Amino acid sequence: MKLLWRARRRNTLVTWPQAVDDRLERLVAAGLAAHENVNRSQLLAALVVNAEVSPEHVAALLQAYRSMSADALDNTSGSGTPEDWPEVRHPGPRRNAHRPKPRRGAQKGGSADDLGDS
């Protein structure tokens, strides 16, 4: 049996308010705190798959979302303290916070104090 989560993929670009993205981050962190190997894509797919497919239910979801104030998600709570949850890590290069940024125009092998005057 082929599992749905391993089926052919389709990329989708989604734009939404920053508060919604922050909420998704908290949901992923909650999954990690529950010892699930989860990422944003899997979580969104799970939410879509488990949503009730009826015009009335979809309309109710949309109306609830569209009537929320901009700060409605600021103080939402759940079980556990998000500060105790694992940090959500994203793919891609990571910059070491302790490594200085490369300077523009820096020459290999020379120092910034080396002006070439001897």
PDB file of N, CA and C in Angstrom:
ATOM      1  N   MET A   1       0.843  -1.175   0.000  1.00  0.00           N
ATOM      2  CA  MET A   1       0.000   0.000   0.000  1.00  0.00           C
ATOM      3  C   MET A   1       0.889   1.239   0.000  1.00  0.00           C
ATOM      4  N   LYS A   2       0.623   2.148  -0.928  1.00  0.00           N
ATOM      5  CA  LYS A   2       1.357   3.397  -0.982  1.00  0.00           C
ATOM      6  C   LYS A   2       0.725   4.387  -0.009  1.00  0.00           C
ATOM      7  N   LEU A   3       1.531   4.968   0.846  1.00  0.00           N
ATOM      8  CA  LEU A   3       1.032   5.914   1.837  1.00  0.00           C
ATOM      9  C   LEU A   3       0.843   7.298   1.212  1.00  0.00           C
ATOM     10  N   LEU A   4      -0.231   7.966   1.619  1.00  0.00           N
ATOM     11  CA  LEU A   4      -0.550   9.285   1.073  1.00  0.00           C
ATOM     12  C   LEU A   4       0.594  10.274   1.264  1.00  0.00           C
ATOM     13  N   TRP A   5       1.204  10.261   2.430  1.00  0.00           N
ATOM     14  CA  TRP A   5       2.242  11.257   2.695  1.00  0.00           C
ATOM     15  C   TRP A   5       3.489  11.030   1.854  1.00  0.00           C
ATOM     16  N   ARG A   6       3.591   9.882   1.187  1.00  0.00           N
ATOM     17  CA  ARG A   6       4.722   9.610   0.297  1.00  0.00           C
ATOM     18  C   ARG A   6       4.338   9.694  -1.177  1.00  0.00           C
ATOM     19  N   ALA A   7       3.130  10.128  -1.470  1.00  0.00           N
ATOM     20  CA  ALA A   7       2.644  10.220  -2.848  1.00  0.00           C
ATOM     21  C   ALA A   7       3.332  11.379  -3.575  1.00  0.00           C
ATOM     22  N   ARG A   8       3.099  11.462  -4.858  1.00  0.00           N
ATOM     23  CA  ARG A   8       3.678  12.517  -5.705  1.00  0.00           C
ATOM     24  C   ARG A   8       3.390  13.893  -5.105  1.00  0.00           C
ATOM     25  N   ARG A   9       4.372  14.756  -5.166  1.00  0.00           N
ATOM     26  CA  ARG A   9       4.291  16.086  -4.555  1.00  0.00           C
ATOM     27  C   ARG A   9       3.884  17.147  -5.563  1.00  0.00           C
ATOM     28  N   ARG A  10       3.298  18.209  -5.033  1.00  0.00           N
ATOM     29  CA  ARG A  10       2.970  19.394  -5.806  1.00  0.00           C
ATOM     30  C   ARG A  10       3.354  20.593  -4.962  1.00  0.00           C
ATOM     31  N   ASN A  11       4.107  21.509  -5.548  1.00  0.00           N
ATOM     32  CA  ASN A  11       4.501  22.722  -4.833  1.00  0.00           C
ATOM     33  C   ASN A  11       3.368  23.730  -4.895  1.00  0.00           C
ATOM     34  N   THR A  12       3.154  24.409  -3.792  1.00  0.00           N
ATOM     35  CA  THR A  12       2.117  25.423  -3.701  1.00  0.00           C
ATOM     36  C   THR A  12       2.682  26.635  -2.986  1.00  0.00           C
ATOM     37  N   LEU A  13       2.500  27.792  -3.567  1.00  0.00           N
ATOM     38  CA  LEU A  13       2.925  29.034  -2.927  1.00  0.00           C
ATOM     39  C   LEU A  13       1.741  29.582  -2.151  1.00  0.00           C
ATOM     40  N   VAL A  14       1.943  29.817  -0.870  1.00  0.00           N
ATOM     41  CA  VAL A  14       0.886  30.342  -0.018  1.00  0.00           C
ATOM     42  C   VAL A  14       1.368  31.643   0.590  1.00  0.00           C
ATOM     43  N   THR A  15       0.535  32.662   0.511  1.00  0.00           N
ATOM     44  CA  THR A  15       0.839  33.915   1.207  1.00  0.00           C
ATOM     45  C   THR A  15      -0.268  34.147   2.226  1.00  0.00           C
ATOM     46  N   TRP A  16       0.154  34.575   3.419  1.00  0.00           N
ATOM     47  CA  TRP A  16      -0.801  34.823   4.487  1.00  0.00           C
ATOM     48  C   TRP A  16      -0.183  35.759   5.496  1.00  0.00           C
ATOM     49  N   PRO A  17      -0.961  36.246   6.433  1.00  0.00           N
ATOM     50  CA  PRO A  17      -0.434  37.178   7.441  1.00  0.00           C
ATOM     51  C   PRO A  17       0.661  36.528   8.291  1.00  0.00           C
ATOM     52  N   GLN A  18       1.561  37.351   8.777  1.00  0.00           N
ATOM     53  CA  GLN A  18       2.664  36.874   9.610  1.00  0.00           C
ATOM     54  C   GLN A  18       2.157  36.134  10.837  1.00  0.00           C
ATOM     55  N   ALA A  19       1.055  36.580  11.420  1.00  0.00           N
ATOM     56  CA  ALA A  19       0.515  35.913  12.612  1.00  0.00           C
ATOM     57  C   ALA A  19       0.097  34.478  12.304  1.00  0.00           C
ATOM     58  N   VAL A  20      -0.400  34.235  11.108  1.00  0.00           N
ATOM     59  CA  VAL A  20      -0.775  32.875  10.716  1.00  0.00           C
ATOM     60  C   VAL A  20       0.475  32.020  10.562  1.00  0.00           C
ATOM     61  N   ASP A  21       1.522  32.596   9.992  1.00  0.00           N
ATOM     62  CA  ASP A  21       2.780  31.865   9.851  1.00  0.00           C
ATOM     63  C   ASP A  21       3.376  31.545  11.227  1.00  0.00           C
ATOM     64  N   ASP A  22       3.298  32.496  12.134  1.00  0.00           N
ATOM     65  CA  ASP A  22       3.779  32.257  13.504  1.00  0.00           C
ATOM     66  C   ASP A  22       2.983  31.134  14.166  1.00  0.00           C
ATOM     67  N   ARG A  23       1.685  31.116  13.906  1.00  0.00           N
ATOM     68  CA  ARG A  23       0.833  30.054  14.456  1.00  0.00           C
ATOM     69  C   ARG A  23       1.253  28.698  13.898  1.00  0.00           C
ATOM     70  N   LEU A  24       1.560  28.640  12.601  1.00  0.00           N
ATOM     71  CA  LEU A  24       2.031  27.394  12.000  1.00  0.00           C
ATOM     72  C   LEU A  24       3.331  26.950  12.661  1.00  0.00           C
ATOM     73  N   GLU A  25       4.228  27.874  12.932  1.00  0.00           N
ATOM     74  CA  GLU A  25       5.476  27.541  13.628  1.00  0.00           C
ATOM     75  C   GLU A  25       5.187  26.937  15.001  1.00  0.00           C
ATOM     76  N   ARG A  26       4.223  27.508  15.724  1.00  0.00           N
ATOM     77  CA  ARG A  26       3.869  26.970  17.041  1.00  0.00           C
ATOM     78  C   ARG A  26       3.260  25.575  16.922  1.00  0.00           C
ATOM     79  N   LEU A  27       2.467  25.350  15.876  1.00  0.00           N
ATOM     80  CA  LEU A  27       1.883  24.023  15.667  1.00  0.00           C
ATOM     81  C   LEU A  27       2.971  22.988  15.367  1.00  0.00           C
ATOM     82  N   VAL A  28       3.953  23.364  14.547  1.00  0.00           N
ATOM     83  CA  VAL A  28       5.061  22.453  14.253  1.00  0.00           C
ATOM     84  C   VAL A  28       5.844  22.176  15.543  1.00  0.00           C
ATOM     85  N   ALA A  29       6.091  23.209  16.321  1.00  0.00           N
ATOM     86  CA  ALA A  29       6.805  23.030  17.593  1.00  0.00           C
ATOM     87  C   ALA A  29       6.014  22.114  18.525  1.00  0.00           C
ATOM     88  N   ALA A  30       4.692  22.231  18.529  1.00  0.00           N
ATOM     89  CA  ALA A  30       3.866  21.358  19.362  1.00  0.00           C
ATOM     90  C   ALA A  30       3.992  19.911  18.901  1.00  0.00           C
ATOM     91  N   GLY A  31       4.042  19.701  17.591  1.00  0.00           N
ATOM     92  CA  GLY A  31       4.246  18.344  17.071  1.00  0.00           C
ATOM     93  C   GLY A  31       5.595  17.788  17.486  1.00  0.00           C
ATOM     94  N   LEU A  32       6.620  18.617  17.426  1.00  0.00           N
ATOM     95  CA  LEU A  32       7.954  18.191  17.863  1.00  0.00           C
ATOM     96  C   LEU A  32       7.961  17.879  19.354  1.00  0.00           C
ATOM     97  N   ALA A  33       7.244  18.686  20.141  1.00  0.00           N
ATOM     98  CA  ALA A  33       7.168  18.444  21.580  1.00  0.00           C
ATOM     99  C   ALA A  33       6.465  17.125  21.879  1.00  0.00           C
ATOM    100  N   ALA A  34       5.594  16.693  20.951  1.00  0.00           N
ATOM    101  CA  ALA A  34       4.897  15.413  21.107  1.00  0.00           C
ATOM    102  C   ALA A  34       5.718  14.262  20.522  1.00  0.00           C
ATOM    103  N   HIS A  35       6.977  14.555  20.195  1.00  0.00           N
ATOM    104  CA  HIS A  35       7.923  13.570  19.670  1.00  0.00           C
ATOM    105  C   HIS A  35       7.527  13.057  18.282  1.00  0.00           C
ATOM    106  N   GLU A  36       6.872  13.929  17.498  1.00  0.00           N
ATOM    107  CA  GLU A  36       6.544  13.603  16.113  1.00  0.00           C
ATOM    108  C   GLU A  36       7.625  14.201  15.222  1.00  0.00           C
ATOM    109  N   ASN A  37       7.998  13.473  14.190  1.00  0.00           N
ATOM    110  CA  ASN A  37       8.898  14.003  13.178  1.00  0.00           C
ATOM    111  C   ASN A  37       8.011  14.749  12.194  1.00  0.00           C
ATOM    112  N   VAL A  38       7.943  16.067  12.325  1.00  0.00           N
ATOM    113  CA  VAL A  38       6.965  16.865  11.588  1.00  0.00           C
ATOM    114  C   VAL A  38       7.639  18.059  10.935  1.00  0.00           C
ATOM    115  N   ASN A  39       7.104  18.466   9.798  1.00  0.00           N
ATOM    116  CA  ASN A  39       7.521  19.706   9.161  1.00  0.00           C
ATOM    117  C   ASN A  39       6.273  20.474   8.740  1.00  0.00           C
ATOM    118  N   ARG A  40       6.463  21.680   8.250  1.00  0.00           N
ATOM    119  CA  ARG A  40       5.336  22.535   7.883  1.00  0.00           C
ATOM    120  C   ARG A  40       4.463  21.889   6.818  1.00  0.00           C
ATOM    121  N   SER A  41       5.085  21.293   5.831  1.00  0.00           N
ATOM    122  CA  SER A  41       4.348  20.677   4.734  1.00  0.00           C
ATOM    123  C   SER A  41       3.455  19.540   5.231  1.00  0.00           C
ATOM    124  N   GLN A  42       4.004  18.670   6.061  1.00  0.00           N
ATOM    125  CA  GLN A  42       3.218  17.550   6.582  1.00  0.00           C
ATOM    126  C   GLN A  42       2.079  18.029   7.466  1.00  0.00           C
ATOM    127  N   LEU A  43       2.339  19.044   8.272  1.00  0.00           N
ATOM    128  CA  LEU A  43       1.304  19.552   9.154  1.00  0.00           C
ATOM    129  C   LEU A  43       0.168  20.180   8.350  1.00  0.00           C
ATOM    130  N   LEU A  44       0.502  20.993   7.363  1.00  0.00           N
ATOM    131  CA  LEU A  44      -0.545  21.592   6.529  1.00  0.00           C
ATOM    132  C   LEU A  44      -1.336  20.522   5.785  1.00  0.00           C
ATOM    133  N   ALA A  45      -0.646  19.517   5.264  1.00  0.00           N
ATOM    134  CA  ALA A  45      -1.341  18.428   4.569  1.00  0.00           C
ATOM    135  C   ALA A  45      -2.277  17.696   5.524  1.00  0.00           C
ATOM    136  N   ALA A  46      -1.836  17.443   6.755  1.00  0.00           N
ATOM    137  CA  ALA A  46      -2.675  16.758   7.734  1.00  0.00           C
ATOM    138  C   ALA A  46      -3.922  17.587   8.061  1.00  0.00           C
ATOM    139  N   LEU A  47      -3.764  18.891   8.177  1.00  0.00           N
ATOM    140  CA  LEU A  47      -4.915  19.749   8.461  1.00  0.00           C
ATOM    141  C   LEU A  47      -5.909  19.739   7.298  1.00  0.00           C
ATOM    142  N   VAL A  48      -5.404  19.800   6.074  1.00  0.00           N
ATOM    143  CA  VAL A  48      -6.284  19.789   4.899  1.00  0.00           C
ATOM    144  C   VAL A  48      -7.002  18.456   4.778  1.00  0.00           C
ATOM    145  N   VAL A  49      -6.272  17.369   4.931  1.00  0.00           N
ATOM    146  CA  VAL A  49      -6.857  16.030   4.787  1.00  0.00           C
ATOM    147  C   VAL A  49      -7.943  15.789   5.829  1.00  0.00           C
ATOM    148  N   ASN A  50      -7.770  16.323   7.030  1.00  0.00           N
ATOM    149  CA  ASN A  50      -8.715  16.066   8.111  1.00  0.00           C
ATOM    150  C   ASN A  50      -9.831  17.104   8.212  1.00  0.00           C
ATOM    151  N   ALA A  51      -9.829  18.091   7.336  1.00  0.00           N
ATOM    152  CA  ALA A  51     -10.898  19.096   7.360  1.00  0.00           C
ATOM    153  C   ALA A  51     -12.174  18.511   6.762  1.00  0.00           C
ATOM    154  N   GLU A  52     -13.279  18.879   7.342  1.00  0.00           N
ATOM    155  CA  GLU A  52     -14.575  18.438   6.828  1.00  0.00           C
ATOM    156  C   GLU A  52     -14.845  19.116   5.486  1.00  0.00           C
ATOM    157  N   VAL A  53     -15.245  18.340   4.505  1.00  0.00           N
ATOM    158  CA  VAL A  53     -15.505  18.878   3.166  1.00  0.00           C
ATOM    159  C   VAL A  53     -17.011  19.030   2.983  1.00  0.00           C
ATOM    160  N   SER A  54     -17.519  20.167   3.393  1.00  0.00           N
ATOM    161  CA  SER A  54     -18.919  20.502   3.160  1.00  0.00           C
ATOM    162  C   SER A  54     -18.996  22.011   2.990  1.00  0.00           C
ATOM    163  N   PRO A  55     -19.866  22.485   2.131  1.00  0.00           N
ATOM    164  CA  PRO A  55     -19.968  23.937   1.917  1.00  0.00           C
ATOM    165  C   PRO A  55     -20.210  24.703   3.220  1.00  0.00           C
ATOM    166  N   GLU A  56     -21.048  24.158   4.093  1.00  0.00           N
ATOM    167  CA  GLU A  56     -21.374  24.858   5.339  1.00  0.00           C
ATOM    168  C   GLU A  56     -20.141  24.967   6.242  1.00  0.00           C
ATOM    169  N   HIS A  57     -19.397  23.876   6.340  1.00  0.00           N
ATOM    170  CA  HIS A  57     -18.216  23.876   7.207  1.00  0.00           C
ATOM    171  C   HIS A  57     -17.134  24.811   6.653  1.00  0.00           C
ATOM    172  N   VAL A  58     -16.892  24.748   5.366  1.00  0.00           N
ATOM    173  CA  VAL A  58     -15.884  25.623   4.748  1.00  0.00           C
ATOM    174  C   VAL A  58     -16.304  27.082   4.901  1.00  0.00           C
ATOM    175  N   ALA A  59     -17.580  27.370   4.692  1.00  0.00           N
ATOM    176  CA  ALA A  59     -18.075  28.744   4.859  1.00  0.00           C
ATOM    177  C   ALA A  59     -17.878  29.219   6.297  1.00  0.00           C
ATOM    178  N   ALA A  60     -18.158  28.343   7.256  1.00  0.00           N
ATOM    179  CA  ALA A  60     -17.982  28.715   8.664  1.00  0.00           C
ATOM    180  C   ALA A  60     -16.515  28.996   8.986  1.00  0.00           C
ATOM    181  N   LEU A  61     -15.604  28.180   8.446  1.00  0.00           N
ATOM    182  CA  LEU A  61     -14.169  28.406   8.651  1.00  0.00           C
ATOM    183  C   LEU A  61     -13.745  29.755   8.079  1.00  0.00           C
ATOM    184  N   LEU A  62     -14.174  30.031   6.859  1.00  0.00           N
ATOM    185  CA  LEU A  62     -13.813  31.299   6.211  1.00  0.00           C
ATOM    186  C   LEU A  62     -14.369  32.493   6.971  1.00  0.00           C
ATOM    187  N   GLN A  63     -15.624  32.400   7.407  1.00  0.00           N
ATOM    188  CA  GLN A  63     -16.235  33.508   8.136  1.00  0.00           C
ATOM    189  C   GLN A  63     -15.531  33.741   9.469  1.00  0.00           C
ATOM    190  N   ALA A  64     -15.157  32.664  10.146  1.00  0.00           N
ATOM    191  CA  ALA A  64     -14.434  32.816  11.415  1.00  0.00           C
ATOM    192  C   ALA A  64     -13.077  33.467  11.186  1.00  0.00           C
ATOM    193  N   TYR A  65     -12.363  33.030  10.149  1.00  0.00           N
ATOM    194  CA  TYR A  65     -11.044  33.607   9.840  1.00  0.00           C
ATOM    195  C   TYR A  65     -11.172  35.077   9.471  1.00  0.00           C
ATOM    196  N   ARG A  66     -12.113  35.394   8.608  1.00  0.00           N
ATOM    197  CA  ARG A  66     -12.257  36.769   8.119  1.00  0.00           C
ATOM    198  C   ARG A  66     -12.762  37.735   9.180  1.00  0.00           C
ATOM    199  N   SER A  67     -13.331  37.236  10.258  1.00  0.00           N
ATOM    200  CA  SER A  67     -13.832  38.117  11.308  1.00  0.00           C
ATOM    201  C   SER A  67     -12.844  38.263  12.471  1.00  0.00           C
ATOM    202  N   MET A  68     -11.709  37.588  12.411  1.00  0.00           N
ATOM    203  CA  MET A  68     -10.711  37.680  13.480  1.00  0.00           C
ATOM    204  C   MET A  68     -10.011  39.031  13.458  1.00  0.00           C
ATOM    205  N   SER A  69      -9.718  39.540  14.641  1.00  0.00           N
ATOM    206  CA  SER A  69      -8.929  40.772  14.720  1.00  0.00           C
ATOM    207  C   SER A  69      -7.469  40.425  14.427  1.00  0.00           C
ATOM    208  N   ALA A  70      -6.692  41.432  14.068  1.00  0.00           N
ATOM    209  CA  ALA A  70      -5.291  41.215  13.689  1.00  0.00           C
ATOM    210  C   ALA A  70      -4.465  40.635  14.827  1.00  0.00           C
ATOM    211  N   ASP A  71      -4.861  40.888  16.056  1.00  0.00           N
ATOM    212  CA  ASP A  71      -4.096  40.370  17.204  1.00  0.00           C
ATOM    213  C   ASP A  71      -4.756  39.151  17.853  1.00  0.00           C
ATOM    214  N   ALA A  72      -5.688  38.514  17.169  1.00  0.00           N
ATOM    215  CA  ALA A  72      -6.438  37.393  17.741  1.00  0.00           C
ATOM    216  C   ALA A  72      -5.550  36.212  18.102  1.00  0.00           C
ATOM    217  N   LEU A  73      -4.464  36.012  17.400  1.00  0.00           N
ATOM    218  CA  LEU A  73      -3.601  34.861  17.650  1.00  0.00           C
ATOM    219  C   LEU A  73      -2.473  35.146  18.631  1.00  0.00           C
ATOM    220  N   ASP A  74      -2.380  36.381  19.085  1.00  0.00           N
ATOM    221  CA  ASP A  74      -1.279  36.764  19.973  1.00  0.00           C
ATOM    222  C   ASP A  74      -1.283  36.000  21.290  1.00  0.00           C
ATOM    223  N   ASN A  75      -2.429  35.772  21.865  1.00  0.00           N
ATOM    224  CA  ASN A  75      -2.500  35.171  23.198  1.00  0.00           C
ATOM    225  C   ASN A  75      -3.168  33.805  23.195  1.00  0.00           C
ATOM    226  N   THR A  76      -3.088  33.097  22.089  1.00  0.00           N
ATOM    227  CA  THR A  76      -3.697  31.771  22.063  1.00  0.00           C
ATOM    228  C   THR A  76      -2.848  30.819  22.881  1.00  0.00           C
ATOM    229  N   SER A  77      -3.504  29.940  23.576  1.00  0.00           N
ATOM    230  CA  SER A  77      -2.771  29.006  24.423  1.00  0.00           C
ATOM    231  C   SER A  77      -3.125  27.584  24.047  1.00  0.00           C
ATOM    232  N   GLY A  78      -2.355  26.685  24.542  1.00  0.00           N
ATOM    233  CA  GLY A  78      -2.580  25.270  24.323  1.00  0.00           C
ATOM    234  C   GLY A  78      -2.000  24.520  25.497  1.00  0.00           C
ATOM    235  N   SER A  79      -1.832  23.229  25.338  1.00  0.00           N
ATOM    236  CA  SER A  79      -1.241  22.466  26.433  1.00  0.00           C
ATOM    237  C   SER A  79       0.265  22.624  26.396  1.00  0.00           C
ATOM    238  N   GLY A  80       0.851  22.777  27.550  1.00  0.00           N
ATOM    239  CA  GLY A  80       2.300  22.948  27.618  1.00  0.00           C
ATOM    240  C   GLY A  80       2.684  24.403  27.396  1.00  0.00           C
ATOM    241  N   THR A  81       3.923  24.686  27.675  1.00  0.00           N
ATOM    242  CA  THR A  81       4.450  26.029  27.495  1.00  0.00           C
ATOM    243  C   THR A  81       5.333  26.044  26.260  1.00  0.00           C
ATOM    244  N   PRO A  82       4.997  26.864  25.263  1.00  0.00           N
ATOM    245  CA  PRO A  82       5.801  26.883  24.041  1.00  0.00           C
ATOM    246  C   PRO A  82       7.290  27.117  24.283  1.00  0.00           C
ATOM    247  N   GLU A  83       7.651  27.798  25.370  1.00  0.00           N
ATOM    248  CA  GLU A  83       9.069  28.028  25.665  1.00  0.00           C
ATOM    249  C   GLU A  83       9.785  26.714  25.956  1.00  0.00           C
ATOM    250  N   ASP A  84       9.043  25.699  26.387  1.00  0.00           N
ATOM    251  CA  ASP A  84       9.630  24.396  26.701  1.00  0.00           C
ATOM    252  C   ASP A  84       9.692  23.475  25.489  1.00  0.00           C
ATOM    253  N   TRP A  85       9.107  23.895  24.373  1.00  0.00           N
ATOM    254  CA  TRP A  85       9.043  23.052  23.188  1.00  0.00           C
ATOM    255  C   TRP A  85      10.333  23.151  22.387  1.00  0.00           C
ATOM    256  N   PRO A  86      10.627  22.150  21.571  1.00  0.00           N
ATOM    257  CA  PRO A  86      11.838  22.211  20.736  1.00  0.00           C
ATOM    258  C   PRO A  86      11.769  23.352  19.725  1.00  0.00           C
ATOM    259  N   GLU A  87      12.929  23.816  19.356  1.00  0.00           N
ATOM    260  CA  GLU A  87      13.014  24.869  18.336  1.00  0.00           C
ATOM    261  C   GLU A  87      12.750  24.257  16.961  1.00  0.00           C
ATOM    262  N   VAL A  88      11.975  24.950  16.147  1.00  0.00           N
ATOM    263  CA  VAL A  88      11.695  24.494  14.787  1.00  0.00           C
ATOM    264  C   VAL A  88      12.880  24.890  13.919  1.00  0.00           C
ATOM    265  N   ARG A  89      13.469  23.905  13.268  1.00  0.00           N
ATOM    266  CA  ARG A  89      14.614  24.162  12.390  1.00  0.00           C
ATOM    267  C   ARG A  89      14.154  24.124  10.949  1.00  0.00           C
ATOM    268  N   HIS A  90      14.672  25.040  10.153  1.00  0.00           N
ATOM    269  CA  HIS A  90      14.300  25.137   8.751  1.00  0.00           C
ATOM    270  C   HIS A  90      15.454  24.682   7.872  1.00  0.00           C
ATOM    271  N   PRO A  91      15.144  24.108   6.709  1.00  0.00           N
ATOM    272  CA  PRO A  91      16.220  23.688   5.817  1.00  0.00           C
ATOM    273  C   PRO A  91      16.954  24.888   5.230  1.00  0.00           C
ATOM    274  N   GLY A  92      18.125  24.638   4.737  1.00  0.00           N
ATOM    275  CA  GLY A  92      18.901  25.693   4.099  1.00  0.00           C
ATOM    276  C   GLY A  92      20.113  26.066   4.914  1.00  0.00           C
ATOM    277  N   PRO A  93      20.927  26.936   4.367  1.00  0.00           N
ATOM    278  CA  PRO A  93      22.165  27.316   5.063  1.00  0.00           C
ATOM    279  C   PRO A  93      21.861  28.089   6.342  1.00  0.00           C
ATOM    280  N   ARG A  94      22.694  27.867   7.316  1.00  0.00           N
ATOM    281  CA  ARG A  94      22.557  28.570   8.588  1.00  0.00           C
ATOM    282  C   ARG A  94      23.815  29.400   8.817  1.00  0.00           C
ATOM    283  N   ARG A  95      23.637  30.600   9.244  1.00  0.00           N
ATOM    284  CA  ARG A  95      24.765  31.468   9.534  1.00  0.00           C
ATOM    285  C   ARG A  95      25.121  31.302  11.000  1.00  0.00           C
ATOM    286  N   ASN A  96      26.369  31.030  11.255  1.00  0.00           N
ATOM    287  CA  ASN A  96      26.850  30.923  12.625  1.00  0.00           C
ATOM    288  C   ASN A  96      26.832  32.319  13.230  1.00  0.00           C
ATOM    289  N   ALA A  97      26.117  32.481  14.322  1.00  0.00           N
ATOM    290  CA  ALA A  97      25.966  33.796  14.944  1.00  0.00           C
ATOM    291  C   ALA A  97      27.294  34.340  15.453  1.00  0.00           C
ATOM    292  N   HIS A  98      28.260  33.456  15.726  1.00  0.00           N
ATOM    293  CA  HIS A  98      29.535  33.894  16.280  1.00  0.00           C
ATOM    294  C   HIS A  98      30.562  34.189  15.197  1.00  0.00           C
ATOM    295  N   ARG A  99      30.276  33.814  13.972  1.00  0.00           N
ATOM    296  CA  ARG A  99      31.208  34.050  12.879  1.00  0.00           C
ATOM    297  C   ARG A  99      30.956  35.451  12.319  1.00  0.00           C
ATOM    298  N   PRO A 100      31.988  36.256  12.186  1.00  0.00           N
ATOM    299  CA  PRO A 100      31.777  37.609  11.657  1.00  0.00           C
ATOM    300  C   PRO A 100      31.399  37.554  10.182  1.00  0.00           C
ATOM    301  N   LYS A 101      30.615  38.541   9.777  1.00  0.00           N
ATOM    302  CA  LYS A 101      30.241  38.636   8.373  1.00  0.00           C
ATOM    303  C   LYS A 101      31.480  38.972   7.550  1.00  0.00           C
ATOM    304  N   PRO A 102      31.588  38.404   6.336  1.00  0.00           N
ATOM    305  CA  PRO A 102      32.731  38.762   5.498  1.00  0.00           C
ATOM    306  C   PRO A 102      32.649  40.231   5.114  1.00  0.00           C
ATOM    307  N   ARG A 103      33.817  40.876   5.086  1.00  0.00           N
ATOM    308  CA  ARG A 103      33.852  42.293   4.732  1.00  0.00           C
ATOM    309  C   ARG A 103      33.961  42.440   3.229  1.00  0.00           C
ATOM    310  N   ARG A 104      33.308  43.430   2.720  1.00  0.00           N
ATOM    311  CA  ARG A 104      33.370  43.703   1.295  1.00  0.00           C
ATOM    312  C   ARG A 104      34.771  44.194   0.933  1.00  0.00           C
ATOM    313  N   GLY A 105      35.275  43.676  -0.147  1.00  0.00           N
ATOM    314  CA  GLY A 105      36.570  44.119  -0.638  1.00  0.00           C
ATOM    315  C   GLY A 105      37.753  43.560   0.123  1.00  0.00           C
ATOM    316  N   ALA A 106      37.516  42.661   1.051  1.00  0.00           N
ATOM    317  CA  ALA A 106      38.618  42.065   1.807  1.00  0.00           C
ATOM    318  C   ALA A 106      39.438  41.187   0.871  1.00  0.00           C
ATOM    319  N   GLN A 107      40.772  41.301   0.968  1.00  0.00           N
ATOM    320  CA  GLN A 107      41.657  40.522   0.114  1.00  0.00           C
ATOM    321  C   GLN A 107      42.043  39.238   0.808  1.00  0.00           C
ATOM    322  N   LYS A 108      42.223  38.188   0.014  1.00  0.00           N
ATOM    323  CA  LYS A 108      42.683  36.936   0.585  1.00  0.00           C
ATOM    324  C   LYS A 108      44.129  37.103   1.041  1.00  0.00           C
ATOM    325  N   GLY A 109      44.397  36.562   2.211  1.00  0.00           N
ATOM    326  CA  GLY A 109      45.775  36.536   2.694  1.00  0.00           C
ATOM    327  C   GLY A 109      46.205  37.840   3.338  1.00  0.00           C
ATOM    328  N   GLY A 110      45.518  38.911   3.109  1.00  0.00           N
ATOM    329  CA  GLY A 110      45.881  40.195   3.707  1.00  0.00           C
ATOM    330  C   GLY A 110      44.960  40.554   4.830  1.00  0.00           C
ATOM    331  N   SER A 111      45.357  41.515   5.609  1.00  0.00           N
ATOM    332  CA  SER A 111      44.486  41.964   6.691  1.00  0.00           C
ATOM    333  C   SER A 111      43.906  43.309   6.315  1.00  0.00           C
ATOM    334  N   ALA A 112      42.943  43.753   7.066  1.00  0.00           N
ATOM    335  CA  ALA A 112      42.316  45.039   6.794  1.00  0.00           C
ATOM    336  C   ALA A 112      43.297  46.179   7.045  1.00  0.00           C
ATOM    337  N   ASP A 113      44.309  45.935   7.910  1.00  0.00           N
ATOM    338  CA  ASP A 113      45.279  46.973   8.222  1.00  0.00           C
ATOM    339  C   ASP A 113      46.366  47.075   7.152  1.00  0.00           C
ATOM    340  N   ASP A 114      46.495  46.080   6.301  1.00  0.00           N
ATOM    341  CA  ASP A 114      47.525  46.041   5.258  1.00  0.00           C
ATOM    342  C   ASP A 114      47.067  46.892   4.096  1.00  0.00           C
ATOM    343  N   LEU A 115      47.590  48.118   3.982  1.00  0.00           N
ATOM    344  CA  LEU A 115      47.195  49.027   2.919  1.00  0.00           C
ATOM    345  C   LEU A 115      48.133  48.978   1.734  1.00  0.00           C
ATOM    346  N   GLY A 116      49.158  48.167   1.793  1.00  0.00           N
ATOM    347  CA  GLY A 116      50.075  48.055   0.691  1.00  0.00           C
ATOM    348  C   GLY A 116      51.225  49.060   0.749  1.00  0.00           C
ATOM    349  N   ASP A 117      51.260  49.909   1.750  1.00  0.00           N
ATOM    350  CA  ASP A 117      52.360  50.872   1.881  1.00  0.00           C
ATOM    351  C   ASP A 117      53.494  50.211   2.639  1.00  0.00           C
ATOM    352  N   SER A 118      54.673  50.158   2.037  1.00  0.00           N
ATOM    353  CA  SER A 118      55.811  49.548   2.714  1.00  0.00           C
ATOM    354  C   SER A 118      56.929  50.526   2.806  1.00  0.00           C
TER     355      SER A 118
END
